[in-house]
N, C-alpha and C. Protein backbone atom coordinates (compact mmCIF):
# COMPACT_ATOMS: atom_id res chain seq x y z
N MET A 1 159.07 123.34 46.41
CA MET A 1 158.32 122.91 45.16
C MET A 1 157.94 122.18 44.63
N PRO A 2 158.96 121.51 44.13
CA PRO A 2 158.40 120.32 43.51
C PRO A 2 157.59 119.29 44.50
N CYS A 3 157.87 119.09 45.92
CA CYS A 3 156.67 118.10 46.12
C CYS A 3 155.05 118.48 45.85
N PHE A 4 155.08 119.91 45.54
CA PHE A 4 153.73 120.51 45.12
C PHE A 4 153.19 119.48 43.58
N LYS A 5 154.19 119.69 42.95
CA LYS A 5 154.06 118.79 41.46
C LYS A 5 153.60 117.73 41.52
N ILE A 6 153.82 116.70 42.47
CA ILE A 6 153.65 115.34 42.09
C ILE A 6 151.69 115.09 42.10
N PRO A 7 151.29 116.08 43.74
CA PRO A 7 149.82 115.85 43.90
C PRO A 7 148.96 116.70 43.07
N LEU A 8 149.72 117.86 41.86
CA LEU A 8 148.98 118.44 41.36
C LEU A 8 148.61 117.30 39.81
N PHE A 9 150.07 116.88 39.76
CA PHE A 9 149.85 116.50 38.63
C PHE A 9 149.10 114.95 38.93
N LEU A 10 149.15 114.17 39.80
CA LEU A 10 148.03 113.26 40.22
C LEU A 10 146.65 113.41 40.44
N PHE A 11 146.29 114.76 40.81
CA PHE A 11 144.94 115.42 40.85
C PHE A 11 144.15 115.62 39.31
N LEU A 12 145.54 116.49 38.37
CA LEU A 12 144.96 116.71 37.13
C LEU A 12 144.80 115.54 36.40
N SER A 13 145.82 114.46 36.55
CA SER A 13 145.49 113.14 35.90
C SER A 13 144.28 112.32 36.20
N SER A 14 143.70 112.35 37.04
CA SER A 14 142.48 111.92 37.56
C SER A 14 141.44 112.63 37.13
N LEU A 15 141.36 113.49 36.48
CA LEU A 15 140.55 114.33 36.30
C LEU A 15 140.42 113.82 34.65
N PHE A 16 141.36 113.77 33.94
CA PHE A 16 141.33 113.29 32.46
C PHE A 16 140.81 111.86 32.58
N LEU A 17 141.40 110.98 33.18
CA LEU A 17 141.37 109.85 33.43
C LEU A 17 139.43 109.42 33.58
N HIS A 18 139.20 110.03 34.52
CA HIS A 18 137.30 109.97 34.83
C HIS A 18 136.73 110.56 33.65
N ALA A 19 137.10 111.22 32.82
CA ALA A 19 136.29 112.01 31.57
C ALA A 19 136.81 110.84 30.31
N SER A 20 137.86 110.17 30.41
CA SER A 20 137.81 109.27 29.30
C SER A 20 137.12 107.95 29.53
N LEU A 21 137.03 107.77 30.69
CA LEU A 21 135.88 106.02 31.21
C LEU A 21 134.58 106.62 31.25
N ALA A 22 133.92 106.96 30.34
CA ALA A 22 132.67 107.56 30.39
C ALA A 22 132.13 105.78 30.31
N GLU A 23 130.60 105.96 31.00
CA GLU A 23 129.80 104.81 31.49
C GLU A 23 128.81 104.91 29.59
N ILE A 24 128.43 103.52 30.00
CA ILE A 24 127.43 103.28 28.82
C ILE A 24 126.10 103.70 29.73
N ILE A 25 125.04 104.66 29.04
CA ILE A 25 123.87 104.78 29.17
C ILE A 25 123.24 104.52 28.35
N CYS A 26 122.24 103.58 27.88
CA CYS A 26 121.30 103.17 26.96
C CYS A 26 120.64 104.64 26.67
N GLU A 27 120.04 105.35 27.20
CA GLU A 27 119.43 106.63 26.95
C GLU A 27 120.44 107.44 26.00
N ASP A 28 121.96 107.18 26.21
CA ASP A 28 122.45 108.14 25.57
C ASP A 28 123.00 107.57 24.31
N LEU A 29 122.69 106.34 23.92
CA LEU A 29 123.08 105.21 23.07
C LEU A 29 122.45 105.78 21.66
N PRO A 30 123.17 105.69 20.68
CA PRO A 30 122.39 105.96 19.40
C PRO A 30 121.81 105.19 19.03
N ASN A 31 120.29 105.05 18.09
CA ASN A 31 119.54 104.10 18.13
C ASN A 31 120.27 102.74 17.27
N ASP A 32 121.33 103.04 16.34
CA ASP A 32 121.75 102.42 15.49
C ASP A 32 123.16 101.14 16.24
N VAL A 33 123.25 101.38 17.61
CA VAL A 33 123.75 100.64 18.13
C VAL A 33 123.21 100.08 19.32
N CYS A 34 121.68 100.40 19.78
CA CYS A 34 121.36 100.15 20.93
C CYS A 34 120.95 99.14 21.15
N ALA A 35 120.42 98.01 20.49
CA ALA A 35 120.03 96.85 20.19
C ALA A 35 121.17 95.80 20.64
N PHE A 36 121.29 95.07 21.98
CA PHE A 36 122.23 94.22 21.83
C PHE A 36 123.51 94.63 22.69
N ALA A 37 123.35 95.64 22.72
CA ALA A 37 124.13 96.53 24.11
C ALA A 37 123.89 96.63 25.70
N ILE A 38 124.46 96.59 26.45
CA ILE A 38 124.81 96.26 27.69
C ILE A 38 125.29 97.79 28.65
N ALA A 39 124.39 98.11 29.10
CA ALA A 39 124.87 99.36 29.86
C ALA A 39 126.18 99.29 31.34
N SER A 40 126.46 100.21 31.64
CA SER A 40 127.56 100.04 32.55
C SER A 40 126.64 99.40 33.78
N SER A 41 125.55 99.87 33.85
CA SER A 41 124.57 98.96 35.36
C SER A 41 124.76 97.54 35.00
N GLY A 42 124.87 96.97 33.94
CA GLY A 42 124.67 95.56 33.65
C GLY A 42 123.92 94.77 32.91
N LYS A 43 122.85 96.26 32.76
CA LYS A 43 121.33 96.27 32.05
C LYS A 43 121.22 96.05 30.63
N ARG A 44 120.49 95.10 30.19
CA ARG A 44 120.34 95.37 28.68
C ARG A 44 119.47 96.38 28.22
N CYS A 45 120.51 96.71 27.05
CA CYS A 45 119.71 98.14 26.17
C CYS A 45 118.99 97.35 25.20
N LEU A 46 117.57 98.33 25.49
CA LEU A 46 116.77 98.04 24.46
C LEU A 46 115.93 98.71 23.30
N LEU A 47 115.54 98.80 22.12
CA LEU A 47 115.18 99.72 21.56
C LEU A 47 113.71 99.64 21.53
N GLU A 48 112.87 100.74 21.84
CA GLU A 48 111.47 100.70 21.98
C GLU A 48 111.04 102.26 20.96
N THR A 49 109.57 101.98 20.87
CA THR A 49 108.75 103.17 20.30
C THR A 49 108.26 103.82 20.87
N ALA A 50 108.09 104.91 20.42
CA ALA A 50 107.64 106.01 21.19
C ALA A 50 106.81 106.83 20.26
N LEU A 51 105.70 107.34 20.64
CA LEU A 51 104.74 108.48 20.30
C LEU A 51 105.36 109.66 20.51
N GLU A 52 105.68 110.88 19.43
CA GLU A 52 106.21 111.75 20.06
C GLU A 52 105.05 113.00 20.07
N LYS A 53 104.97 114.05 20.05
CA LYS A 53 104.09 115.06 19.87
C LYS A 53 103.35 115.28 18.83
N ASN A 54 104.34 114.94 17.45
CA ASN A 54 103.34 115.50 16.14
C ASN A 54 102.89 113.89 15.89
N GLU A 55 102.28 112.92 16.85
CA GLU A 55 102.17 112.05 16.53
C GLU A 55 102.59 110.93 15.60
N LYS A 56 104.15 111.23 15.23
CA LYS A 56 105.31 110.10 14.95
C LYS A 56 105.51 109.56 15.50
N GLU A 57 105.64 107.89 15.07
CA GLU A 57 106.19 106.90 16.04
C GLU A 57 107.97 107.33 15.83
N GLU A 58 108.67 106.91 17.08
CA GLU A 58 109.93 107.70 16.80
C GLU A 58 110.94 106.00 17.60
N TYR A 59 111.74 105.98 17.41
CA TYR A 59 112.73 104.83 18.25
C TYR A 59 113.49 105.59 19.08
N GLN A 60 113.94 105.23 20.47
CA GLN A 60 114.26 105.78 21.74
C GLN A 60 115.19 104.13 22.40
N CYS A 61 116.16 104.45 22.58
CA CYS A 61 117.19 103.42 23.13
C CYS A 61 116.56 103.64 24.94
N ARG A 62 116.65 102.34 25.86
CA ARG A 62 115.86 102.52 27.08
C ARG A 62 116.90 101.44 27.48
N THR A 63 116.56 101.86 28.59
CA THR A 63 117.35 100.18 29.97
C THR A 63 116.48 99.43 30.45
N SER A 64 116.62 98.21 29.99
CA SER A 64 115.56 97.17 30.37
C SER A 64 116.07 96.82 31.79
N GLU A 65 115.26 95.94 32.25
CA GLU A 65 115.47 95.29 33.83
C GLU A 65 116.21 94.41 33.77
N VAL A 66 116.22 93.91 32.22
CA VAL A 66 117.00 92.30 32.01
C VAL A 66 118.58 92.68 32.57
N MET A 67 119.35 92.35 33.67
CA MET A 67 120.68 91.74 33.96
C MET A 67 121.44 90.78 33.64
N VAL A 68 122.60 91.29 32.76
CA VAL A 68 123.50 90.68 32.57
C VAL A 68 124.52 90.01 34.10
N GLU A 69 125.12 88.97 33.60
CA GLU A 69 125.80 88.27 34.84
C GLU A 69 127.45 88.71 34.79
N ARG A 70 127.58 88.35 33.60
CA ARG A 70 129.22 88.35 33.61
C ARG A 70 129.54 89.21 32.40
N MET A 71 128.81 90.17 32.21
CA MET A 71 129.17 91.77 31.18
C MET A 71 128.69 92.72 31.84
N ALA A 72 129.33 93.88 31.23
CA ALA A 72 128.77 95.54 31.51
C ALA A 72 129.88 95.99 30.39
N GLU A 73 128.94 97.20 30.39
CA GLU A 73 129.66 98.45 29.25
C GLU A 73 129.92 97.78 27.91
N TYR A 74 129.44 97.07 27.19
CA TYR A 74 129.47 96.61 25.92
C TYR A 74 128.64 96.62 24.92
N ILE A 75 128.86 97.43 23.61
CA ILE A 75 128.26 97.40 22.58
C ILE A 75 128.47 96.24 21.39
N GLU A 76 127.47 95.25 21.46
CA GLU A 76 128.04 94.35 19.99
C GLU A 76 128.51 94.84 19.00
N ASN A 77 129.33 94.53 18.30
CA ASN A 77 130.10 94.39 16.82
C ASN A 77 129.47 94.09 15.69
N ASP A 78 129.48 94.89 14.86
CA ASP A 78 128.69 94.46 13.34
C ASP A 78 129.14 93.21 13.15
N ASP A 79 130.48 92.85 12.93
CA ASP A 79 130.82 91.66 12.40
C ASP A 79 129.87 90.10 13.53
N CYS A 80 129.01 90.55 14.98
CA CYS A 80 128.50 89.18 15.41
C CYS A 80 126.93 89.71 15.17
N VAL A 81 126.47 90.85 15.12
CA VAL A 81 125.24 91.16 14.46
C VAL A 81 125.44 90.24 12.91
N ARG A 82 126.02 90.21 12.00
CA ARG A 82 125.83 89.85 11.07
C ARG A 82 126.28 87.93 10.95
N ALA A 83 127.28 87.62 11.80
CA ALA A 83 127.38 86.22 11.79
C ALA A 83 126.29 85.47 12.75
N CYS A 84 125.51 86.48 13.97
CA CYS A 84 124.16 85.50 14.54
C CYS A 84 123.17 86.16 14.00
N GLY A 85 123.17 86.61 12.65
CA GLY A 85 121.89 86.92 12.49
C GLY A 85 120.27 87.56 12.84
N VAL A 86 121.16 88.54 13.92
CA VAL A 86 120.37 89.49 14.46
C VAL A 86 120.15 90.77 13.57
N ASP A 87 119.09 91.36 14.05
CA ASP A 87 118.89 92.65 13.66
C ASP A 87 119.29 93.71 14.62
N ARG A 88 119.61 95.08 14.25
CA ARG A 88 120.03 95.99 14.98
C ARG A 88 118.77 96.98 15.49
N ASN A 89 117.93 96.92 14.71
CA ASN A 89 116.47 97.47 14.81
C ASN A 89 115.58 96.88 15.42
N SER A 90 115.92 95.55 16.03
CA SER A 90 114.97 94.67 16.58
C SER A 90 113.90 95.34 18.13
N ILE A 91 112.81 95.33 17.67
CA ILE A 91 112.34 96.50 19.12
C ILE A 91 111.68 95.65 20.21
N GLY A 92 112.44 96.04 21.25
CA GLY A 92 112.16 95.09 22.59
C GLY A 92 113.01 94.14 22.79
N ILE A 93 113.07 93.28 23.75
CA ILE A 93 113.76 91.67 23.77
C ILE A 93 112.61 90.39 23.63
N SER A 94 112.90 90.25 22.35
CA SER A 94 112.11 88.49 22.29
C SER A 94 112.65 87.57 21.76
N SER A 95 111.90 86.25 22.07
CA SER A 95 112.42 84.96 21.73
C SER A 95 111.77 84.77 20.26
N ASP A 96 110.89 85.43 19.91
CA ASP A 96 110.45 84.81 18.48
C ASP A 96 111.33 84.23 17.39
N SER A 97 112.27 85.09 17.28
CA SER A 97 113.28 84.38 15.99
C SER A 97 114.04 83.32 16.56
N LEU A 98 113.86 82.34 17.77
CA LEU A 98 114.13 81.35 17.94
C LEU A 98 113.51 80.18 17.17
N LEU A 99 111.94 80.50 16.81
CA LEU A 99 111.38 79.88 16.03
C LEU A 99 111.50 79.39 14.97
N GLU A 100 112.90 80.36 14.31
CA GLU A 100 113.14 80.48 12.58
C GLU A 100 114.05 79.44 12.46
N PRO A 101 114.06 78.74 11.82
CA PRO A 101 115.51 77.44 11.77
C PRO A 101 116.72 78.27 11.16
N GLN A 102 116.33 79.31 10.24
CA GLN A 102 117.49 80.15 9.61
C GLN A 102 118.39 80.75 10.66
N PHE A 103 117.45 81.39 11.77
CA PHE A 103 118.33 81.97 12.92
C PHE A 103 119.27 80.76 13.85
N THR A 104 118.40 79.83 14.46
CA THR A 104 118.98 78.96 15.22
C THR A 104 120.34 78.87 14.38
N SER A 105 120.34 78.40 13.30
CA SER A 105 121.01 77.45 12.31
C SER A 105 122.54 78.48 12.82
N LYS A 106 122.23 80.05 12.43
CA LYS A 106 123.08 81.25 12.50
C LYS A 106 123.94 81.12 13.81
N LEU A 107 122.76 81.14 14.94
CA LEU A 107 123.30 81.17 16.57
C LEU A 107 124.16 80.14 16.64
N CYS A 108 124.18 78.84 16.55
CA CYS A 108 124.24 77.51 17.09
C CYS A 108 125.47 77.68 15.87
N ALA A 109 125.90 78.35 14.67
CA ALA A 109 127.09 78.55 13.94
C ALA A 109 128.40 78.92 14.60
N PRO A 110 129.77 78.25 14.23
CA PRO A 110 130.78 78.76 15.38
C PRO A 110 131.01 79.88 14.79
N ALA A 111 130.97 80.90 14.26
CA ALA A 111 130.99 82.04 14.03
C ALA A 111 130.28 82.87 15.36
N CYS A 112 129.39 82.63 15.27
CA CYS A 112 128.39 83.10 16.41
C CYS A 112 128.82 82.37 17.73
N CYS A 113 128.53 81.14 17.70
CA CYS A 113 128.47 80.56 19.21
C CYS A 113 129.88 80.43 20.06
N HIS A 114 131.20 81.14 18.86
CA HIS A 114 132.31 80.67 19.61
C HIS A 114 132.88 82.22 19.72
N ASN A 115 132.08 83.03 19.16
CA ASN A 115 132.72 84.47 19.12
C ASN A 115 132.18 85.63 19.64
N CYS A 116 130.65 85.34 19.91
CA CYS A 116 129.51 86.06 20.09
C CYS A 116 129.18 85.94 21.26
N PRO A 117 129.44 86.00 22.73
CA PRO A 117 129.03 85.56 24.10
C PRO A 117 127.78 86.31 24.34
N ASN A 118 127.80 87.34 24.03
CA ASN A 118 126.63 88.49 24.48
C ASN A 118 125.16 88.36 23.90
N ILE A 119 125.43 87.69 22.17
CA ILE A 119 123.98 87.19 22.31
C ILE A 119 123.66 86.08 22.16
N VAL A 120 124.84 84.76 22.35
CA VAL A 120 124.52 83.83 22.43
C VAL A 120 123.77 83.65 24.30
N ASP A 121 124.35 84.58 24.91
CA ASP A 121 123.83 84.22 26.45
C ASP A 121 122.36 85.04 25.95
N LEU A 122 122.38 86.00 25.29
CA LEU A 122 121.02 86.83 25.70
C LEU A 122 119.47 85.42 25.27
N PHE A 123 119.96 84.99 23.93
CA PHE A 123 119.22 84.16 23.38
C PHE A 123 118.87 82.90 24.32
N PHE A 124 120.15 82.11 24.81
CA PHE A 124 119.87 81.21 25.73
C PHE A 124 118.84 81.43 26.84
N ASN A 125 119.43 82.69 27.24
CA ASN A 125 118.78 83.29 28.66
C ASN A 125 116.73 83.23 28.39
N LEU A 126 117.02 83.64 26.76
CA LEU A 126 115.27 83.54 26.48
C LEU A 126 114.73 82.27 26.52
N ALA A 127 115.83 81.42 25.66
CA ALA A 127 115.10 79.95 25.39
C ALA A 127 114.54 79.56 26.79
N ALA A 128 115.84 79.98 27.80
CA ALA A 128 115.54 78.92 29.18
C ALA A 128 114.29 79.43 29.78
N GLY A 129 113.96 80.86 29.61
CA GLY A 129 112.97 81.56 30.61
C GLY A 129 111.42 81.02 29.48
N GLU A 130 110.94 80.27 28.83
CA GLU A 130 110.46 79.85 28.01
C GLU A 130 109.21 79.40 28.53
């Protein structure tokens, strides 16, 4: 009888482990953490506007086609959002903020560039693509 308990225990443990290791899917994220998040697939999440049936504009979190090479399953923390001077309500992925001197000084400040590799990587790649 004891030899049946171990496989049963392992099977039940695997069910609980699978449930606790939830994937990050952009479309399932709340809008307030969407921008600067990275899905389990390694693609960046972005906030978009969509016109609803009642003609009202709504925000929706979507998966972009932009792949991140060294990160996945990541939601940017509030400390990095503040330190780097980015806005969680940013629509899409744009390099426009790189033209603002205040933004680039925050992005290059030690609090951002040493502690927030996700945001630095995003804007480095945007600048390289320009």
